Amino acid sequence: MKPYPTGLIRIILAIITVPIGLSAFSQGRHELSVRQAVDYAAKNNVQVKNALVNVDIQQQTNREITGLAYPQLNGNLGATYNPNVAVSVFPNFIAAGTYGVLAQEGVKDANGNPILSPTDFGIIQAQFGTKYNANAGLDLSQILFDGQVFIGLKARKTSIDFQKKNVEVTQEQIKANIYKIYYQLVVSKTQIELLDANISRLEKLLSDTREIYKNGFAEKLDVDKVSVQIANLQTERLKALNSIENGYFGLKFLMGMPIRDSLVLTDSLSDDQIKGGLLENTAYQYSDRKEFQYAELNKKLNEFNIRRYKLSKLPTASLNAGYSKIAQRDKFDFYKGEYFTASSVSLRINVPIFNGFATNARIRRAELELQQTVNNIDNLRLSIDNEVEQARTNFRSAVATMDFQRKNMELAVQVYDQTKKKYEMGLGSNIEINAAQTDLKAAQTNYINSLYDAIIARIDFLKATGKL
């Protein structure tokens, strides 16, 4: 008997390998419907939590982008000590100026001759500055135009929507797995009930066979065969219970529930609920799928990226202003003396002229990435169509198989009951009743398997059409 499909077995095996020490020390009791289990997972599943954190991270990134559009104000404070003030060397303009004034005024030397200016006045060595300098000021800058910042501001909402949609996609995947495991665990009750019914039948048969043996109409071998069958069913029941317990571990892990907590499933499931008139309305739209909505938002972000790089070719403009107080001293005594004021206002326009075709390469790369996204969306449409058609076919087949196996199981019960009556009346053999019991068990196994398959097929169809 196959209680769970391969994919879910992996989930269950994964939780078995998780150390119990990771679970909470406090134990709680949870009685949950499948919708409540999904809501619980939406708050506690680690993947969903991380997806929600990504939304918060994107919000902070958006705040950072918004901050670029606001004025930027920075303060600065500094002090400099010059042990050796730099010496500057320059032509002796003082002597040249002095001779020029004397010549202009017509001053003569002691002999009454005009004073002649020498051809070379030499150079002067001088130190400009002081040993101690200090300054304190404010710098203000404001972006007037920057295409990349402008696009960043426009893309903020799409970026948030993109991360929120990722949360929904993650929740949808978790939801589908929760539905599958939840309802399989619900159906597992039927499996245990059928095993209990079989054990009860065989115990009754064992009691009757013993009486027949006492009366000399049966062999000891017949009694032993029935005892072996009961032992085998009890072993199978124990294995089924262990498998169900592991299924509960897997469901708790998927929901983010402490393993030590008690979980009770309150929903029930019948054949009619599985059918549920699902195939009466099979219309679907691509936009119903969270993955498709996610891909469309990714396409918008790619388009913003292209626009960002294209606008980077335009000039940028910024306004800058500065105000500072400066002190110069030969001694470290800034607490007294005069401070000089310096201020400036400037407009800066940066015009991109040539950067080695790097911007063109960025634009082309963004266009190619957009083309990849468009290709992925086209492929997603094909994938959705394929999933829907396969899911529809699988669901129809699973429902038909489930109905057939249920009727076959009911017939097997009737055959067993009639064979047992014949055996009790001495008109049948032990071989016949053993064969009837084997057929009944096979029919029950097939019915349980068809129930599991129908559940998976129903959930897959709902997920494929975006109606889960």
Protein backbone atom coordinates (compact mmCIF):
# COMPACT_ATOMS: atom_id res chain seq x y z
CA MET A 1 0.00 0.00 0.00
CA LYS A 2 1.38 3.46 -0.88
CA PRO A 3 0.25 5.98 1.77
CA TYR A 4 2.12 8.92 0.23
CA PRO A 5 3.51 9.85 -3.20
CA THR A 6 7.26 10.11 -3.70
CA GLY A 7 7.48 13.90 -3.36
CA LEU A 8 5.69 13.92 -0.03
CA ILE A 9 7.76 11.01 1.24
CA ARG A 10 10.80 13.25 0.76
CA ILE A 11 9.15 15.93 2.91
CA ILE A 12 8.32 13.38 5.58
CA LEU A 13 11.82 11.87 5.54
CA ALA A 14 13.27 15.37 5.80
CA ILE A 15 11.39 16.07 9.01
CA ILE A 16 12.41 12.71 10.48
CA THR A 17 16.06 13.78 10.19
CA VAL A 18 15.45 17.05 12.07
CA PRO A 19 16.67 16.76 15.68
CA ILE A 20 13.85 16.84 18.19
CA GLY A 21 15.85 19.36 20.17
CA LEU A 22 14.96 22.00 17.58
CA SER A 23 11.31 21.90 18.59
CA ALA A 24 9.83 24.08 21.30
CA PHE A 25 10.01 22.84 24.87
CA SER A 26 6.42 23.79 25.56
CA GLN A 27 3.75 21.52 24.16
CA GLY A 28 0.45 22.76 22.80
CA ARG A 29 -2.66 21.28 21.25
CA HIS A 30 -3.95 22.46 17.89
CA GLU A 31 -7.27 21.45 16.32
CA LEU A 32 -7.11 22.76 12.76
CA SER A 33 -9.09 22.60 9.55
CA VAL A 34 -7.07 22.61 6.34
CA ARG A 35 -7.64 26.36 5.91
CA GLN A 36 -6.51 26.99 9.47
CA ALA A 37 -3.43 24.87 8.80
CA VAL A 38 -2.65 27.03 5.75
CA ASP A 39 -3.14 30.21 7.83
CA TYR A 40 -0.86 28.81 10.52
CA ALA A 41 1.84 28.12 7.92
CA ALA A 42 1.46 31.64 6.50
CA LYS A 43 2.60 32.97 9.88
CA ASN A 44 5.13 30.35 10.93
CA ASN A 45 6.70 28.67 7.88
CA VAL A 46 10.34 29.76 7.55
CA GLN A 47 10.17 30.22 3.77
CA VAL A 48 7.16 32.52 4.11
CA LYS A 49 8.85 34.43 6.94
CA ASN A 50 11.94 35.02 4.83
CA ALA A 51 9.80 36.13 1.88
CA LEU A 52 8.10 38.66 4.16
CA VAL A 53 11.50 39.86 5.37
CA ASN A 54 12.42 40.45 1.71
CA VAL A 55 9.44 42.83 1.49
CA ASP A 56 10.81 44.78 4.47
CA ILE A 57 14.29 44.80 2.91
CA GLN A 58 12.84 46.20 -0.32
CA GLN A 59 11.01 48.90 1.65
CA GLN A 60 14.31 49.99 3.19
CA THR A 61 15.94 49.94 -0.26
CA ASN A 62 13.13 52.20 -1.50
CA ARG A 63 13.74 54.56 1.40
CA GLU A 64 17.39 54.67 0.41
CA ILE A 65 16.43 55.57 -3.18
CA THR A 66 14.02 58.24 -1.95
CA GLY A 67 16.77 59.68 0.23
CA LEU A 68 18.85 60.42 -2.87
CA ALA A 69 16.20 62.90 -4.02
CA TYR A 70 16.32 64.87 -0.75
CA PRO A 71 18.94 67.52 0.15
CA GLN A 72 22.16 66.08 1.53
CA LEU A 73 23.63 68.01 4.46
CA ASN A 74 27.05 67.17 5.90
CA GLY A 75 29.04 68.81 8.64
CA ASN A 76 32.82 68.90 8.77
CA LEU A 77 35.31 69.79 11.46
CA GLY A 78 39.06 69.66 11.10
CA ALA A 79 42.38 70.88 12.48
CA THR A 80 45.85 70.89 10.92
CA TYR A 81 49.28 71.22 12.52
CA ASN A 82 52.18 72.28 10.26
CA PRO A 83 55.52 71.71 12.05
CA ASN A 84 57.24 73.22 9.03
CA VAL A 85 55.23 75.71 7.05
CA ALA A 86 55.93 75.23 3.37
CA VAL A 87 58.38 77.68 1.78
CA SER A 88 57.31 79.26 -1.50
CA VAL A 89 59.89 80.61 -3.99
CA PHE A 90 58.89 83.34 -6.48
CA PRO A 91 60.46 86.29 -8.42
CA ASN A 92 61.33 89.38 -6.41
CA PHE A 93 58.36 91.45 -7.50
CA ILE A 94 58.81 93.81 -4.52
CA ALA A 95 62.15 95.15 -5.80
CA ALA A 96 60.80 95.31 -9.35
CA GLY A 97 57.84 97.34 -8.12
CA THR A 98 60.05 99.66 -6.12
CA TYR A 99 62.27 100.47 -9.11
CA GLY A 100 59.18 101.00 -11.20
CA VAL A 101 57.87 103.60 -8.76
CA LEU A 102 61.25 105.38 -8.63
CA ALA A 103 61.43 105.53 -12.40
CA GLN A 104 57.88 106.78 -12.62
CA GLU A 105 58.55 109.57 -10.11
CA GLY A 106 61.74 110.57 -11.89
CA VAL A 107 63.98 110.06 -8.88
CA LYS A 108 67.71 110.44 -9.65
CA ASP A 109 70.76 109.04 -8.00
CA ALA A 110 73.46 111.07 -6.23
CA ASN A 111 75.09 111.94 -9.53
CA GLY A 112 71.83 113.26 -10.92
CA ASN A 113 71.36 110.37 -13.26
CA PRO A 114 68.03 108.50 -13.63
CA ILE A 115 67.88 105.35 -11.57
CA LEU A 116 68.11 102.32 -13.85
CA SER A 117 66.26 99.09 -13.08
CA PRO A 118 68.51 95.99 -12.93
CA THR A 119 67.75 93.15 -15.36
CA ASP A 120 67.51 90.49 -12.63
CA PHE A 121 65.96 91.11 -9.25
CA GLY A 122 66.52 87.57 -7.99
CA ILE A 123 63.96 85.50 -6.11
CA ILE A 124 62.21 85.67 -2.76
CA GLN A 125 61.73 82.77 -0.33
CA ALA A 126 58.72 83.12 1.97
CA GLN A 127 56.47 81.04 4.22
CA PHE A 128 52.76 81.57 3.77
CA GLY A 129 50.45 80.17 6.43
CA THR A 130 50.48 79.38 10.10
CA LYS A 131 51.43 76.36 12.15
CA TYR A 132 47.86 75.75 13.30
CA ASN A 133 44.73 75.81 11.15
CA ALA A 134 41.17 74.87 12.06
CA ASN A 135 37.89 74.88 10.21
CA ALA A 136 34.24 73.99 10.83
CA GLY A 137 31.51 74.09 8.26
CA LEU A 138 28.42 72.72 6.54
CA ASP A 139 28.07 71.36 3.00
CA LEU A 140 24.68 71.19 1.32
CA SER A 141 23.95 69.44 -1.97
CA GLN A 142 20.73 68.85 -3.88
CA ILE A 143 20.22 66.78 -7.00
CA LEU A 144 18.26 68.84 -9.51
CA PHE A 145 18.11 66.16 -12.19
CA ASP A 146 19.41 62.62 -12.43
CA GLY A 147 17.63 60.19 -14.76
CA GLN A 148 18.67 57.11 -12.82
CA VAL A 149 17.34 58.49 -9.53
CA PHE A 150 14.12 59.49 -11.31
CA ILE A 151 13.58 55.94 -12.61
CA GLY A 152 14.44 54.51 -9.21
CA LEU A 153 11.67 56.60 -7.67
CA LYS A 154 9.17 55.43 -10.30
CA ALA A 155 10.12 51.76 -9.81
CA ARG A 156 9.56 51.74 -6.04
CA LYS A 157 5.97 50.49 -6.11
CA THR A 158 6.72 47.79 -8.69
CA SER A 159 9.67 46.60 -6.58
CA ILE A 160 7.45 46.26 -3.52
CA ASP A 161 4.74 44.51 -5.54
CA PHE A 162 7.39 42.12 -6.90
CA GLN A 163 8.49 41.07 -3.41
CA LYS A 164 4.89 40.80 -2.16
CA LYS A 165 4.03 38.59 -5.11
CA ASN A 166 7.00 36.40 -4.22
CA VAL A 167 5.39 35.95 -0.80
CA GLU A 168 2.16 34.85 -2.48
CA VAL A 169 4.01 32.39 -4.75
CA THR A 170 5.77 30.90 -1.73
CA GLN A 171 2.50 30.66 0.20
CA GLU A 172 0.83 28.98 -2.80
CA GLN A 173 3.52 26.30 -2.95
CA ILE A 174 3.30 25.68 0.79
CA LYS A 175 -0.49 25.65 0.58
CA ALA A 176 -0.54 22.95 -2.12
CA ASN A 177 1.74 20.68 -0.09
CA ILE A 178 -0.27 21.26 3.09
CA TYR A 179 -3.50 20.35 1.28
CA LYS A 180 -1.95 17.14 -0.05
CA ILE A 181 -0.49 15.95 3.24
CA TYR A 182 -3.49 17.11 5.31
CA TYR A 183 -6.07 15.24 3.25
CA GLN A 184 -3.90 12.16 2.91
CA LEU A 185 -3.72 12.04 6.69
CA VAL A 186 -7.49 12.42 6.80
CA VAL A 187 -7.88 9.53 4.35
CA SER A 188 -5.40 7.47 6.36
CA LYS A 189 -8.15 7.14 8.98
CA THR A 190 -10.09 5.11 6.41
CA GLN A 191 -7.01 2.95 5.85
CA ILE A 192 -6.80 2.17 9.58
CA GLU A 193 -10.56 1.54 9.73
CA LEU A 194 -10.30 -0.97 6.88
CA LEU A 195 -7.38 -2.73 8.56
CA ASP A 196 -9.30 -2.86 11.84
CA ALA A 197 -12.31 -4.28 10.00
CA ASN A 198 -10.12 -6.94 8.39
CA ILE A 199 -8.57 -7.86 11.72
CA SER A 200 -12.04 -8.08 13.24
CA ARG A 201 -13.23 -10.35 10.41
CA LEU A 202 -10.22 -12.62 10.77
CA GLU A 203 -10.58 -12.76 14.56
CA LYS A 204 -14.20 -13.84 14.05
CA LEU A 205 -13.03 -16.34 11.45
CA LEU A 206 -10.35 -17.62 13.82
CA SER A 207 -12.94 -18.14 16.54
CA ASP A 208 -15.25 -20.01 14.14
CA THR A 209 -12.39 -22.09 12.73
CA ARG A 210 -11.36 -23.15 16.22
CA GLU A 211 -14.88 -24.31 16.92
CA ILE A 212 -14.98 -26.20 13.64
CA TYR A 213 -11.58 -27.72 14.50
CA LYS A 214 -12.85 -28.82 17.90
CA ASN A 215 -15.75 -30.54 16.19
CA GLY A 216 -13.34 -32.32 13.85
CA PHE A 217 -14.38 -30.58 10.63
CA ALA A 218 -11.15 -28.56 10.19
CA GLU A 219 -7.44 -29.10 10.57
CA LYS A 220 -5.06 -27.44 12.98
CA LEU A 221 -3.34 -26.03 9.90
CA ASP A 222 -6.47 -24.02 9.08
CA VAL A 223 -6.38 -22.42 12.53
CA ASP A 224 -2.70 -21.59 12.17
CA LYS A 225 -3.19 -20.03 8.73
CA VAL A 226 -5.81 -17.63 10.08
CA SER A 227 -3.56 -16.76 13.04
CA VAL A 228 -0.72 -15.92 10.65
CA GLN A 229 -3.02 -13.69 8.62
CA ILE A 230 -4.08 -11.81 11.76
CA ALA A 231 -0.44 -11.31 12.78
CA ASN A 232 0.41 -10.01 9.32
CA LEU A 233 -2.48 -7.53 9.40
CA GLN A 234 -1.50 -6.34 12.88
CA THR A 235 2.04 -5.76 11.63
CA GLU A 236 0.72 -3.89 8.61
CA ARG A 237 -1.47 -1.78 10.89
CA LEU A 238 1.53 -0.88 13.04
CA LYS A 239 3.52 0.14 9.96
CA ALA A 240 0.60 2.23 8.73
CA LEU A 241 0.34 4.00 12.10
CA ASN A 242 4.08 4.75 12.02
CA SER A 243 3.75 6.11 8.49
CA ILE A 244 0.82 8.29 9.57
CA GLU A 245 2.79 9.58 12.57
CA ASN A 246 5.66 10.53 10.25
CA GLY A 247 3.09 12.24 8.04
CA TYR A 248 2.03 14.37 11.01
CA PHE A 249 5.69 15.25 11.61
CA GLY A 250 5.99 16.31 7.98
CA LEU A 251 2.85 18.43 8.16
CA LYS A 252 4.00 20.14 11.37
CA PHE A 253 7.38 20.88 9.85
CA LEU A 254 5.75 22.34 6.75
CA MET A 255 3.50 24.52 8.91
CA GLY A 256 6.34 25.66 11.16
CA MET A 257 4.73 24.02 14.19
CA PRO A 258 6.82 22.62 17.06
CA ILE A 259 7.15 18.86 16.58
CA ARG A 260 6.17 18.16 20.19
CA ASP A 261 2.86 19.97 19.85
CA SER A 262 -0.28 17.90 19.39
CA LEU A 263 -2.11 18.30 16.06
CA VAL A 264 -5.70 17.24 15.47
CA LEU A 265 -7.20 17.42 11.97
CA THR A 266 -10.84 18.48 12.09
CA ASP A 267 -11.78 18.22 8.39
CA SER A 268 -13.29 15.14 6.83
CA LEU A 269 -13.23 13.97 3.23
CA SER A 270 -15.57 11.84 1.16
CA ASP A 271 -15.62 10.63 -2.42
CA ASP A 272 -18.23 13.26 -3.29
CA GLN A 273 -16.06 16.03 -1.80
CA ILE A 274 -13.11 14.88 -3.88
CA LYS A 275 -15.18 15.05 -7.06
CA GLY A 276 -16.82 18.34 -6.05
CA GLY A 277 -18.07 19.25 -9.55
CA LEU A 278 -14.57 20.44 -10.34
CA LEU A 279 -14.68 19.56 -14.02
CA GLU A 280 -17.94 21.40 -14.64
CA ASN A 281 -16.11 24.72 -15.03
CA THR A 282 -12.59 24.26 -16.35
CA ALA A 283 -12.00 27.76 -17.74
CA TYR A 284 -8.81 29.41 -16.56
CA GLN A 285 -6.68 32.46 -17.23
CA TYR A 286 -2.92 32.78 -17.10
CA SER A 287 -3.25 35.78 -14.81
CA ASP A 288 -4.89 33.54 -12.20
CA ARG A 289 -1.52 31.92 -11.55
CA LYS A 290 0.69 33.63 -8.97
CA GLU A 291 3.78 32.58 -10.91
CA PHE A 292 2.50 34.36 -14.01
CA GLN A 293 1.78 37.55 -12.05
CA TYR A 294 5.27 37.31 -10.57
CA ALA A 295 6.83 36.97 -14.03
CA GLU A 296 4.89 39.98 -15.33
CA LEU A 297 6.21 42.14 -12.48
CA ASN A 298 9.73 40.94 -13.24
CA LYS A 299 9.20 42.09 -16.83
CA LYS A 300 8.23 45.58 -15.59
CA LEU A 301 11.39 45.76 -13.51
CA ASN A 302 13.46 44.80 -16.57
CA GLU A 303 11.80 47.61 -18.52
CA PHE A 304 12.64 50.08 -15.74
CA ASN A 305 16.24 48.89 -15.92
CA ILE A 306 16.46 49.70 -19.64
CA ARG A 307 15.01 53.18 -19.07
CA ARG A 308 17.45 53.76 -16.21
CA TYR A 309 20.47 53.08 -18.39
CA LYS A 310 19.10 55.14 -21.26
CA LEU A 311 18.51 58.15 -19.02
CA SER A 312 22.07 57.84 -17.71
CA LYS A 313 23.12 59.34 -21.07
CA LEU A 314 21.46 62.63 -20.14
CA PRO A 315 23.27 65.37 -18.20
CA THR A 316 22.90 65.47 -14.44
CA ALA A 317 22.52 68.70 -12.49
CA SER A 318 23.15 69.41 -8.83
CA LEU A 319 23.23 72.46 -6.59
CA ASN A 320 25.93 72.73 -3.94
CA ALA A 321 26.49 75.19 -1.11
CA GLY A 322 29.10 75.47 1.61
CA TYR A 323 29.59 77.58 4.69
CA SER A 324 32.59 77.39 7.02
CA LYS A 325 34.57 79.20 9.70
CA ILE A 326 38.38 79.18 9.44
CA ALA A 327 40.98 80.02 12.08
CA GLN A 328 44.76 80.35 11.59
CA ARG A 329 47.13 80.56 14.54
CA ASP A 330 50.83 80.34 15.27
CA LYS A 331 49.92 78.90 18.64
CA PHE A 332 47.31 76.35 19.61
CA ASP A 333 44.83 78.83 21.02
CA PHE A 334 41.71 78.46 18.91
CA TYR A 335 39.53 79.43 21.86
CA LYS A 336 40.44 83.06 21.25
CA GLY A 337 41.12 85.20 18.28
CA GLU A 338 39.23 85.80 15.08
CA TYR A 339 37.50 83.25 12.87
CA PHE A 340 37.10 84.03 9.19
CA THR A 341 33.98 83.14 7.21
CA ALA A 342 34.04 81.34 3.86
CA SER A 343 30.93 80.48 1.83
CA SER A 344 30.09 79.32 -1.68
CA VAL A 345 27.15 78.38 -3.89
CA SER A 346 27.70 76.40 -7.09
CA LEU A 347 25.70 74.77 -9.81
CA ARG A 348 27.23 71.66 -11.32
CA ILE A 349 26.14 70.13 -14.60
CA ASN A 350 27.78 66.88 -15.62
CA VAL A 351 27.47 66.06 -19.33
CA PRO A 352 28.36 62.46 -20.32
CA ILE A 353 30.40 62.56 -23.53
CA PHE A 354 32.23 59.26 -23.91
CA ASN A 355 32.75 56.33 -21.55
CA GLY A 356 34.04 53.69 -23.91
CA PHE A 357 30.53 52.54 -24.96
CA ALA A 358 29.92 51.13 -21.46
CA THR A 359 26.44 52.67 -21.27
CA ASN A 360 25.47 51.16 -24.61
CA ALA A 361 26.63 47.78 -23.36
CA ARG A 362 24.52 48.14 -20.19
CA ILE A 363 21.45 49.07 -22.25
CA ARG A 364 21.95 46.12 -24.58
CA ARG A 365 22.46 43.74 -21.68
CA ALA A 366 19.24 44.98 -20.03
CA GLU A 367 17.38 44.53 -23.32
CA LEU A 368 18.65 40.96 -23.60
CA GLU A 369 17.58 40.26 -20.01
CA LEU A 370 14.13 41.61 -20.88
CA GLN A 371 14.03 39.30 -23.89
CA GLN A 372 14.85 36.37 -21.62
CA THR A 373 12.00 37.37 -19.31
CA VAL A 374 9.58 37.62 -22.26
CA ASN A 375 10.72 34.18 -23.45
CA ASN A 376 10.17 32.79 -19.96
CA ILE A 377 6.66 34.26 -19.85
CA ASP A 378 5.84 32.68 -23.23
CA ASN A 379 7.19 29.37 -21.99
CA LEU A 380 5.19 29.76 -18.77
CA ARG A 381 2.00 30.06 -20.83
CA LEU A 382 2.84 26.79 -22.57
CA SER A 383 3.72 25.21 -19.23
CA ILE A 384 0.41 26.31 -17.68
CA ASP A 385 -1.54 24.92 -20.64
CA ASN A 386 0.34 21.65 -20.34
CA GLU A 387 -0.17 21.47 -16.57
CA VAL A 388 -3.89 22.15 -16.86
CA GLU A 389 -4.46 19.53 -19.55
CA GLN A 390 -2.40 16.91 -17.74
CA ALA A 391 -4.06 17.73 -14.43
CA ARG A 392 -7.53 17.54 -16.02
CA THR A 393 -6.76 14.15 -17.57
CA ASN A 394 -5.21 12.84 -14.36
CA PHE A 395 -8.15 14.04 -12.29
CA ARG A 396 -10.75 12.46 -14.57
CA SER A 397 -8.81 9.21 -14.55
CA ALA A 398 -8.30 9.32 -10.77
CA VAL A 399 -12.01 9.93 -10.10
CA ALA A 400 -13.04 7.13 -12.44
CA THR A 401 -10.51 4.79 -10.83
CA MET A 402 -11.67 5.77 -7.34
CA ASP A 403 -15.31 5.01 -8.21
CA PHE A 404 -14.35 1.69 -9.77
CA GLN A 405 -12.16 0.65 -6.85
CA ARG A 406 -14.82 1.60 -4.31
CA LYS A 407 -17.39 -0.59 -6.09
CA ASN A 408 -14.82 -3.35 -6.43
CA MET A 409 -14.08 -3.17 -2.70
CA GLU A 410 -17.79 -3.36 -1.86
CA LEU A 411 -18.11 -6.39 -4.12
CA ALA A 412 -15.08 -8.01 -2.49
CA VAL A 413 -16.73 -7.58 0.92
CA GLN A 414 -19.85 -9.29 -0.36
CA VAL A 415 -17.82 -12.14 -1.84
CA TYR A 416 -15.95 -12.59 1.44
CA ASP A 417 -19.16 -12.62 3.48
CA GLN A 418 -20.79 -15.20 1.21
CA THR A 419 -17.66 -17.37 1.14
CA LYS A 420 -17.47 -17.23 4.93
CA LYS A 421 -21.09 -18.33 5.25
CA LYS A 422 -20.42 -21.26 2.92
CA TYR A 423 -17.35 -22.16 4.96
CA GLU A 424 -19.29 -22.04 8.23
CA MET A 425 -21.97 -24.26 6.68
CA GLY A 426 -19.32 -26.72 5.57
CA LEU A 427 -19.93 -26.03 1.90
CA GLY A 428 -16.64 -24.21 1.27
CA SER A 429 -12.98 -24.83 1.88
CA ASN A 430 -10.34 -22.93 3.78
CA ILE A 431 -8.61 -22.24 0.48
CA GLU A 432 -11.67 -20.39 -0.82
CA ILE A 433 -12.00 -18.17 2.22
CA ASN A 434 -8.29 -17.41 2.21
CA ALA A 435 -8.56 -16.40 -1.45
CA ALA A 436 -11.60 -14.22 -0.67
CA GLN A 437 -9.68 -12.54 2.18
CA THR A 438 -6.70 -11.90 -0.11
CA ASP A 439 -8.93 -10.43 -2.80
CA LEU A 440 -10.67 -8.21 -0.23
CA LYS A 441 -7.38 -6.91 1.11
CA ALA A 442 -6.14 -6.19 -2.42
CA ALA A 443 -9.39 -4.37 -3.24
CA GLN A 444 -9.09 -2.26 -0.08
CA THR A 445 -5.48 -1.44 -0.86
CA ASN A 446 -6.39 -0.39 -4.38
CA TYR A 447 -9.24 1.77 -3.07
CA ILE A 448 -7.01 3.56 -0.55
CA ASN A 449 -4.39 4.14 -3.25
CA SER A 450 -7.06 5.52 -5.59
CA LEU A 451 -8.22 7.88 -2.84
CA TYR A 452 -4.68 9.20 -2.40
CA ASP A 453 -4.26 9.59 -6.17
CA ALA A 454 -7.60 11.40 -6.47
CA ILE A 455 -6.66 13.85 -3.71
CA ILE A 456 -3.34 14.66 -5.36
CA ALA A 457 -4.99 14.98 -8.78
CA ARG A 458 -7.66 17.34 -7.44
CA ILE A 459 -5.13 19.62 -5.74
CA ASP A 460 -2.87 19.59 -8.81
CA PHE A 461 -5.81 20.59 -11.02
CA LEU A 462 -6.84 23.42 -8.69
CA LYS A 463 -3.26 24.67 -8.54
CA ALA A 464 -2.82 24.42 -12.32
CA THR A 465 -5.93 26.55 -12.93
CA GLY A 466 -5.01 29.05 -10.20
CA LYS A 467 -8.05 28.20 -8.09
CA LEU A 468 -6.45 26.48 -5.11
